[in-house]
Amino acid sequence: MGRPAAQTARQSRRRTTMALKIVASQCTVCGACEFECPNAAIKMKRDVYVIDPGKCTECDGDDPKCAAVCPVPNTCVPA
């Protein structure tokens, strides 16, 4: 028998939800985004900050906090 429709819809939304990414060439490595992220999705990796797409919820529909605190416009962008 198939899966309940609600469960299938939730799984489909999870697959289509896209995390944010940090444009490395624009990032000043100031660290503001790492401390502002409510999901601890941003970490330093090889001298650049990266966003873990498994943890990023794009702040659940609010304005992404990483983009709001970043001093360089358009550095935290949809993946």
PDB file of N, CA and C in Angstrom:
ATOM      1  N   MET A   1       0.839  -1.188   0.000  1.00  0.00           N
ATOM      2  CA  MET A   1       0.000   0.000   0.000  1.00  0.00           C
ATOM      3  C   MET A   1       0.881   1.248   0.000  1.00  0.00           C
ATOM      4  N   GLY A   2       0.426   2.333  -0.575  1.00  0.00           N
ATOM      5  CA  GLY A   2       1.200   3.570  -0.696  1.00  0.00           C
ATOM      6  C   GLY A   2       1.322   4.326   0.611  1.00  0.00           C
ATOM      7  N   ARG A   3       2.135   5.348   0.583  1.00  0.00           N
ATOM      8  CA  ARG A   3       2.333   6.209   1.749  1.00  0.00           C
ATOM      9  C   ARG A   3       1.178   7.189   1.867  1.00  0.00           C
ATOM     10  N   PRO A   4       0.881   7.609   3.105  1.00  0.00           N
ATOM     11  CA  PRO A   4      -0.156   8.646   3.269  1.00  0.00           C
ATOM     12  C   PRO A   4       0.241   9.913   2.527  1.00  0.00           C
ATOM     13  N   ALA A   5      -0.741  10.604   1.989  1.00  0.00           N
ATOM     14  CA  ALA A   5      -0.479  11.800   1.177  1.00  0.00           C
ATOM     15  C   ALA A   5       0.284  12.869   1.945  1.00  0.00           C
ATOM     16  N   ALA A   6      -0.035  13.065   3.229  1.00  0.00           N
ATOM     17  CA  ALA A   6       0.648  14.093   4.028  1.00  0.00           C
ATOM     18  C   ALA A   6       2.133  13.780   4.157  1.00  0.00           C
ATOM     19  N   GLN A   7       2.461  12.510   4.387  1.00  0.00           N
ATOM     20  CA  GLN A   7       3.867  12.115   4.519  1.00  0.00           C
ATOM     21  C   GLN A   7       4.597  12.323   3.196  1.00  0.00           C
ATOM     22  N   THR A   8       3.984  11.958   2.099  1.00  0.00           N
ATOM     23  CA  THR A   8       4.592  12.129   0.784  1.00  0.00           C
ATOM     24  C   THR A   8       4.809  13.611   0.476  1.00  0.00           C
ATOM     25  N   ALA A   9       3.861  14.456   0.825  1.00  0.00           N
ATOM     26  CA  ALA A   9       3.985  15.902   0.585  1.00  0.00           C
ATOM     27  C   ALA A   9       5.131  16.481   1.395  1.00  0.00           C
ATOM     28  N   ARG A  10       5.277  16.057   2.670  1.00  0.00           N
ATOM     29  CA  ARG A  10       6.380  16.547   3.509  1.00  0.00           C
ATOM     30  C   ARG A  10       7.720  16.145   2.920  1.00  0.00           C
ATOM     31  N   GLN A  11       7.841  14.909   2.489  1.00  0.00           N
ATOM     32  CA  GLN A  11       9.100  14.446   1.911  1.00  0.00           C
ATOM     33  C   GLN A  11       9.411  15.204   0.633  1.00  0.00           C
ATOM     34  N   SER A  12       8.399  15.487  -0.170  1.00  0.00           N
ATOM     35  CA  SER A  12       8.594  16.220  -1.410  1.00  0.00           C
ATOM     36  C   SER A  12       9.076  17.633  -1.122  1.00  0.00           C
ATOM     37  N   ARG A  13       8.492  18.299  -0.110  1.00  0.00           N
ATOM     38  CA  ARG A  13       8.919  19.649   0.256  1.00  0.00           C
ATOM     39  C   ARG A  13      10.368  19.645   0.727  1.00  0.00           C
ATOM     40  N   ARG A  14      10.759  18.645   1.500  1.00  0.00           N
ATOM     41  CA  ARG A  14      12.131  18.568   1.980  1.00  0.00           C
ATOM     42  C   ARG A  14      13.107  18.471   0.826  1.00  0.00           C
ATOM     43  N   ARG A  15      12.763  17.720  -0.190  1.00  0.00           N
ATOM     44  CA  ARG A  15      13.653  17.553  -1.331  1.00  0.00           C
ATOM     45  C   ARG A  15      13.765  18.821  -2.162  1.00  0.00           C
ATOM     46  N   THR A  16      12.699  19.622  -2.204  1.00  0.00           N
ATOM     47  CA  THR A  16      12.732  20.815  -3.038  1.00  0.00           C
ATOM     48  C   THR A  16      13.221  22.049  -2.280  1.00  0.00           C
ATOM     49  N   THR A  17      13.269  21.988  -0.942  1.00  0.00           N
ATOM     50  CA  THR A  17      13.768  23.118  -0.170  1.00  0.00           C
ATOM     51  C   THR A  17      15.255  23.269  -0.442  1.00  0.00           C
ATOM     52  N   MET A  18      15.631  24.488  -0.779  1.00  0.00           N
ATOM     53  CA  MET A  18      17.032  24.736  -1.091  1.00  0.00           C
ATOM     54  C   MET A  18      17.641  25.573   0.013  1.00  0.00           C
ATOM     55  N   ALA A  19      18.830  25.238   0.372  1.00  0.00           N
ATOM     56  CA  ALA A  19      19.566  26.004   1.367  1.00  0.00           C
ATOM     57  C   ALA A  19      20.212  27.214   0.697  1.00  0.00           C
ATOM     58  N   LEU A  20      20.813  28.020   1.527  1.00  0.00           N
ATOM     59  CA  LEU A  20      21.587  29.144   1.012  1.00  0.00           C
ATOM     60  C   LEU A  20      23.030  28.698   0.817  1.00  0.00           C
ATOM     61  N   LYS A  21      23.773  29.490   0.107  1.00  0.00           N
ATOM     62  CA  LYS A  21      25.204  29.242  -0.052  1.00  0.00           C
ATOM     63  C   LYS A  21      25.931  30.567   0.099  1.00  0.00           C
ATOM     64  N   ILE A  22      27.196  30.481   0.415  1.00  0.00           N
ATOM     65  CA  ILE A  22      28.027  31.665   0.546  1.00  0.00           C
ATOM     66  C   ILE A  22      28.914  31.749  -0.686  1.00  0.00           C
ATOM     67  N   VAL A  23      28.887  32.891  -1.345  1.00  0.00           N
ATOM     68  CA  VAL A  23      29.727  33.109  -2.525  1.00  0.00           C
ATOM     69  C   VAL A  23      31.145  33.380  -2.005  1.00  0.00           C
ATOM     70  N   ALA A  24      32.005  32.374  -2.113  1.00  0.00           N
ATOM     71  CA  ALA A  24      33.344  32.445  -1.521  1.00  0.00           C
ATOM     72  C   ALA A  24      34.169  33.614  -2.041  1.00  0.00           C
ATOM     73  N   SER A  25      34.012  33.945  -3.304  1.00  0.00           N
ATOM     74  CA  SER A  25      34.813  35.031  -3.878  1.00  0.00           C
ATOM     75  C   SER A  25      34.430  36.401  -3.327  1.00  0.00           C
ATOM     76  N   GLN A  26      33.259  36.513  -2.709  1.00  0.00           N
ATOM     77  CA  GLN A  26      32.805  37.772  -2.140  1.00  0.00           C
ATOM     78  C   GLN A  26      32.946  37.820  -0.619  1.00  0.00           C
ATOM     79  N   CYS A  27      33.080  36.661   0.002  1.00  0.00           N
ATOM     80  CA  CYS A  27      33.105  36.565   1.459  1.00  0.00           C
ATOM     81  C   CYS A  27      34.384  37.186   2.016  1.00  0.00           C
ATOM     82  N   THR A  28      34.208  38.028   3.043  1.00  0.00           N
ATOM     83  CA  THR A  28      35.364  38.666   3.686  1.00  0.00           C
ATOM     84  C   THR A  28      35.850  37.870   4.893  1.00  0.00           C
ATOM     85  N   VAL A  29      35.209  36.752   5.181  1.00  0.00           N
ATOM     86  CA  VAL A  29      35.539  35.855   6.291  1.00  0.00           C
ATOM     87  C   VAL A  29      35.466  36.600   7.634  1.00  0.00           C
ATOM     88  N   CYS A  30      34.459  37.465   7.769  1.00  0.00           N
ATOM     89  CA  CYS A  30      34.305  38.239   9.006  1.00  0.00           C
ATOM     90  C   CYS A  30      33.713  37.406  10.136  1.00  0.00           C
ATOM     91  N   GLY A  31      32.958  36.346   9.798  1.00  0.00           N
ATOM     92  CA  GLY A  31      32.394  35.460  10.812  1.00  0.00           C
ATOM     93  C   GLY A  31      31.039  35.868  11.344  1.00  0.00           C
ATOM     94  N   ALA A  32      30.501  36.993  10.913  1.00  0.00           N
ATOM     95  CA  ALA A  32      29.213  37.457  11.437  1.00  0.00           C
ATOM     96  C   ALA A  32      28.104  36.431  11.201  1.00  0.00           C
ATOM     97  N   CYS A  33      28.094  35.816  10.044  1.00  0.00           N
ATOM     98  CA  CYS A  33      27.041  34.861   9.695  1.00  0.00           C
ATOM     99  C   CYS A  33      27.067  33.621  10.584  1.00  0.00           C
ATOM    100  N   GLU A  34      28.257  33.150  10.899  1.00  0.00           N
ATOM    101  CA  GLU A  34      28.386  31.919  11.697  1.00  0.00           C
ATOM    102  C   GLU A  34      27.688  32.078  13.047  1.00  0.00           C
ATOM    103  N   PHE A  35      27.889  33.201  13.681  1.00  0.00           N
ATOM    104  CA  PHE A  35      27.327  33.414  15.016  1.00  0.00           C
ATOM    105  C   PHE A  35      25.845  33.762  14.978  1.00  0.00           C
ATOM    106  N   GLU A  36      25.371  34.246  13.858  1.00  0.00           N
ATOM    107  CA  GLU A  36      23.970  34.644  13.733  1.00  0.00           C
ATOM    108  C   GLU A  36      23.057  33.486  13.337  1.00  0.00           C
ATOM    109  N   CYS A  37      23.591  32.440  12.744  1.00  0.00           N
ATOM    110  CA  CYS A  37      22.782  31.322  12.244  1.00  0.00           C
ATOM    111  C   CYS A  37      22.111  30.570  13.404  1.00  0.00           C
ATOM    112  N   PRO A  38      20.774  30.490  13.399  1.00  0.00           N
ATOM    113  CA  PRO A  38      20.063  29.816  14.487  1.00  0.00           C
ATOM    114  C   PRO A  38      20.186  28.293  14.438  1.00  0.00           C
ATOM    115  N   ASN A  39      20.676  27.758  13.338  1.00  0.00           N
ATOM    116  CA  ASN A  39      20.769  26.299  13.180  1.00  0.00           C
ATOM    117  C   ASN A  39      22.195  25.779  13.209  1.00  0.00           C
ATOM    118  N   ALA A  40      23.154  26.637  13.471  1.00  0.00           N
ATOM    119  CA  ALA A  40      24.573  26.257  13.457  1.00  0.00           C
ATOM    120  C   ALA A  40      24.936  25.575  12.135  1.00  0.00           C
ATOM    121  N   ALA A  41      24.393  26.106  11.042  1.00  0.00           N
ATOM    122  CA  ALA A  41      24.622  25.526   9.719  1.00  0.00           C
ATOM    123  C   ALA A  41      25.856  26.089   9.031  1.00  0.00           C
ATOM    124  N   ILE A  42      26.459  27.129   9.596  1.00  0.00           N
ATOM    125  CA  ILE A  42      27.595  27.786   8.946  1.00  0.00           C
ATOM    126  C   ILE A  42      28.871  27.484   9.714  1.00  0.00           C
ATOM    127  N   LYS A  43      29.845  26.966   9.002  1.00  0.00           N
ATOM    128  CA  LYS A  43      31.133  26.604   9.611  1.00  0.00           C
ATOM    129  C   LYS A  43      32.269  27.019   8.691  1.00  0.00           C
ATOM    130  N   MET A  44      33.422  27.241   9.303  1.00  0.00           N
ATOM    131  CA  MET A  44      34.645  27.526   8.546  1.00  0.00           C
ATOM    132  C   MET A  44      35.193  26.195   8.027  1.00  0.00           C
ATOM    133  N   LYS A  45      35.502  26.173   6.755  1.00  0.00           N
ATOM    134  CA  LYS A  45      36.077  24.978   6.136  1.00  0.00           C
ATOM    135  C   LYS A  45      37.141  25.427   5.143  1.00  0.00           C
ATOM    136  N   ARG A  46      38.372  25.049   5.384  1.00  0.00           N
ATOM    137  CA  ARG A  46      39.496  25.423   4.507  1.00  0.00           C
ATOM    138  C   ARG A  46      39.557  26.928   4.228  1.00  0.00           C
ATOM    139  N   ASP A  47      39.500  27.711   5.262  1.00  0.00           N
ATOM    140  CA  ASP A  47      39.631  29.173   5.175  1.00  0.00           C
ATOM    141  C   ASP A  47      38.461  29.893   4.514  1.00  0.00           C
ATOM    142  N   VAL A  48      37.333  29.223   4.326  1.00  0.00           N
ATOM    143  CA  VAL A  48      36.120  29.880   3.830  1.00  0.00           C
ATOM    144  C   VAL A  48      34.925  29.374   4.638  1.00  0.00           C
ATOM    145  N   TYR A  49      33.889  30.171   4.702  1.00  0.00           N
ATOM    146  CA  TYR A  49      32.666  29.737   5.376  1.00  0.00           C
ATOM    147  C   TYR A  49      31.781  28.999   4.388  1.00  0.00           C
ATOM    148  N   VAL A  50      31.161  27.916   4.876  1.00  0.00           N
ATOM    149  CA  VAL A  50      30.231  27.137   4.060  1.00  0.00           C
ATOM    150  C   VAL A  50      28.961  26.896   4.857  1.00  0.00           C
ATOM    151  N   ILE A  51      27.861  26.737   4.152  1.00  0.00           N
ATOM    152  CA  ILE A  51      26.571  26.466   4.766  1.00  0.00           C
ATOM    153  C   ILE A  51      26.218  25.012   4.524  1.00  0.00           C
ATOM    154  N   ASP A  52      25.941  24.286   5.596  1.00  0.00           N
ATOM    155  CA  ASP A  52      25.537  22.882   5.514  1.00  0.00           C
ATOM    156  C   ASP A  52      24.078  22.843   5.068  1.00  0.00           C
ATOM    157  N   PRO A  53      23.804  22.349   3.855  1.00  0.00           N
ATOM    158  CA  PRO A  53      22.421  22.347   3.357  1.00  0.00           C
ATOM    159  C   PRO A  53      21.499  21.440   4.167  1.00  0.00           C
ATOM    160  N   GLY A  54      22.071  20.498   4.889  1.00  0.00           N
ATOM    161  CA  GLY A  54      21.259  19.625   5.734  1.00  0.00           C
ATOM    162  C   GLY A  54      20.757  20.312   6.991  1.00  0.00           C
ATOM    163  N   LYS A  55      21.417  21.394   7.387  1.00  0.00           N
ATOM    164  CA  LYS A  55      21.022  22.133   8.585  1.00  0.00           C
ATOM    165  C   LYS A  55      20.320  23.448   8.264  1.00  0.00           C
ATOM    166  N   CYS A  56      20.570  24.000   7.092  1.00  0.00           N
ATOM    167  CA  CYS A  56      20.003  25.307   6.731  1.00  0.00           C
ATOM    168  C   CYS A  56      18.511  25.183   6.452  1.00  0.00           C
ATOM    169  N   THR A  57      17.735  25.999   7.132  1.00  0.00           N
ATOM    170  CA  THR A  57      16.284  26.037   6.917  1.00  0.00           C
ATOM    171  C   THR A  57      15.867  27.352   6.275  1.00  0.00           C
ATOM    172  N   GLU A  58      16.849  28.145   5.840  1.00  0.00           N
ATOM    173  CA  GLU A  58      16.597  29.490   5.321  1.00  0.00           C
ATOM    174  C   GLU A  58      15.798  30.302   6.328  1.00  0.00           C
ATOM    175  N   CYS A  59      16.064  30.038   7.614  1.00  0.00           N
ATOM    176  CA  CYS A  59      15.405  30.725   8.738  1.00  0.00           C
ATOM    177  C   CYS A  59      13.887  30.583   8.673  1.00  0.00           C
ATOM    178  N   ASP A  60      13.438  29.442   8.186  1.00  0.00           N
ATOM    179  CA  ASP A  60      12.018  29.074   8.159  1.00  0.00           C
ATOM    180  C   ASP A  60      11.100  30.153   7.599  1.00  0.00           C
ATOM    181  N   GLY A  61      11.507  30.747   6.496  1.00  0.00           N
ATOM    182  CA  GLY A  61      10.655  31.713   5.821  1.00  0.00           C
ATOM    183  C   GLY A  61      10.895  33.157   6.208  1.00  0.00           C
ATOM    184  N   ASP A  62      11.615  33.381   7.316  1.00  0.00           N
ATOM    185  CA  ASP A  62      11.989  34.757   7.676  1.00  0.00           C
ATOM    186  C   ASP A  62      13.147  35.168   6.779  1.00  0.00           C
ATOM    187  N   ASP A  63      13.523  36.426   6.840  1.00  0.00           N
ATOM    188  CA  ASP A  63      14.702  36.850   6.094  1.00  0.00           C
ATOM    189  C   ASP A  63      15.906  36.098   6.648  1.00  0.00           C
ATOM    190  N   PRO A  64      16.705  35.474   5.798  1.00  0.00           N
ATOM    191  CA  PRO A  64      17.866  34.732   6.283  1.00  0.00           C
ATOM    192  C   PRO A  64      18.795  35.641   7.097  1.00  0.00           C
ATOM    193  N   LYS A  65      19.104  35.200   8.304  1.00  0.00           N
ATOM    194  CA  LYS A  65      19.929  36.001   9.206  1.00  0.00           C
ATOM    195  C   LYS A  65      21.343  36.176   8.680  1.00  0.00           C
ATOM    196  N   CYS A  66      21.875  35.169   7.983  1.00  0.00           N
ATOM    197  CA  CYS A  66      23.235  35.287   7.445  1.00  0.00           C
ATOM    198  C   CYS A  66      23.314  36.426   6.429  1.00  0.00           C
ATOM    199  N   ALA A  67      22.313  36.507   5.566  1.00  0.00           N
ATOM    200  CA  ALA A  67      22.299  37.569   4.553  1.00  0.00           C
ATOM    201  C   ALA A  67      22.091  38.934   5.204  1.00  0.00           C
ATOM    202  N   ALA A  68      21.303  38.968   6.273  1.00  0.00           N
ATOM    203  CA  ALA A  68      21.017  40.238   6.936  1.00  0.00           C
ATOM    204  C   ALA A  68      22.250  40.831   7.619  1.00  0.00           C
ATOM    205  N   VAL A  69      23.117  39.986   8.165  1.00  0.00           N
ATOM    206  CA  VAL A  69      24.290  40.501   8.892  1.00  0.00           C
ATOM    207  C   VAL A  69      25.534  40.614   8.021  1.00  0.00           C
ATOM    208  N   CYS A  70      25.504  40.030   6.848  1.00  0.00           N
ATOM    209  CA  CYS A  70      26.685  40.048   5.979  1.00  0.00           C
ATOM    210  C   CYS A  70      26.974  41.477   5.497  1.00  0.00           C
ATOM    211  N   PRO A  71      28.233  41.928   5.648  1.00  0.00           N
ATOM    212  CA  PRO A  71      28.560  43.281   5.209  1.00  0.00           C
ATOM    213  C   PRO A  71      28.682  43.436   3.685  1.00  0.00           C
ATOM    214  N   VAL A  72      28.692  42.313   2.965  1.00  0.00           N
ATOM    215  CA  VAL A  72      28.824  42.364   1.504  1.00  0.00           C
ATOM    216  C   VAL A  72      27.506  41.898   0.888  1.00  0.00           C
ATOM    217  N   PRO A  73      26.806  42.763   0.176  1.00  0.00           N
ATOM    218  CA  PRO A  73      25.515  42.378  -0.422  1.00  0.00           C
ATOM    219  C   PRO A  73      25.656  41.182  -1.367  1.00  0.00           C
ATOM    220  N   ASN A  74      24.614  40.355  -1.371  1.00  0.00           N
ATOM    221  CA  ASN A  74      24.522  39.205  -2.277  1.00  0.00           C
ATOM    222  C   ASN A  74      25.650  38.197  -2.088  1.00  0.00           C
ATOM    223  N   THR A  75      26.066  38.002  -0.843  1.00  0.00           N
ATOM    224  CA  THR A  75      27.083  36.982  -0.566  1.00  0.00           C
ATOM    225  C   THR A  75      26.430  35.702  -0.058  1.00  0.00           C
ATOM    226  N   CYS A  76      25.349  35.810   0.706  1.00  0.00           N
ATOM    227  CA  CYS A  76      24.553  34.646   1.113  1.00  0.00           C
ATOM    228  C   CYS A  76      23.342  34.609   0.185  1.00  0.00           C
ATOM    229  N   VAL A  77      23.333  33.637  -0.708  1.00  0.00           N
ATOM    230  CA  VAL A  77      22.335  33.580  -1.770  1.00  0.00           C
ATOM    231  C   VAL A  77      21.712  32.196  -1.850  1.00  0.00           C
ATOM    232  N   PRO A  78      20.536  32.067  -2.473  1.00  0.00           N
ATOM    233  CA  PRO A  78      19.954  30.737  -2.646  1.00  0.00           C
ATOM    234  C   PRO A  78      20.904  29.823  -3.417  1.00  0.00           C
ATOM    235  N   ALA A  79      20.980  28.587  -2.956  1.00  0.00           N
ATOM    236  CA  ALA A  79      21.868  27.600  -3.608  1.00  0.00           C
ATOM    237  C   ALA A  79      21.301  27.147  -4.929  1.00  0.00           C
TER     238      ALA A  79
END
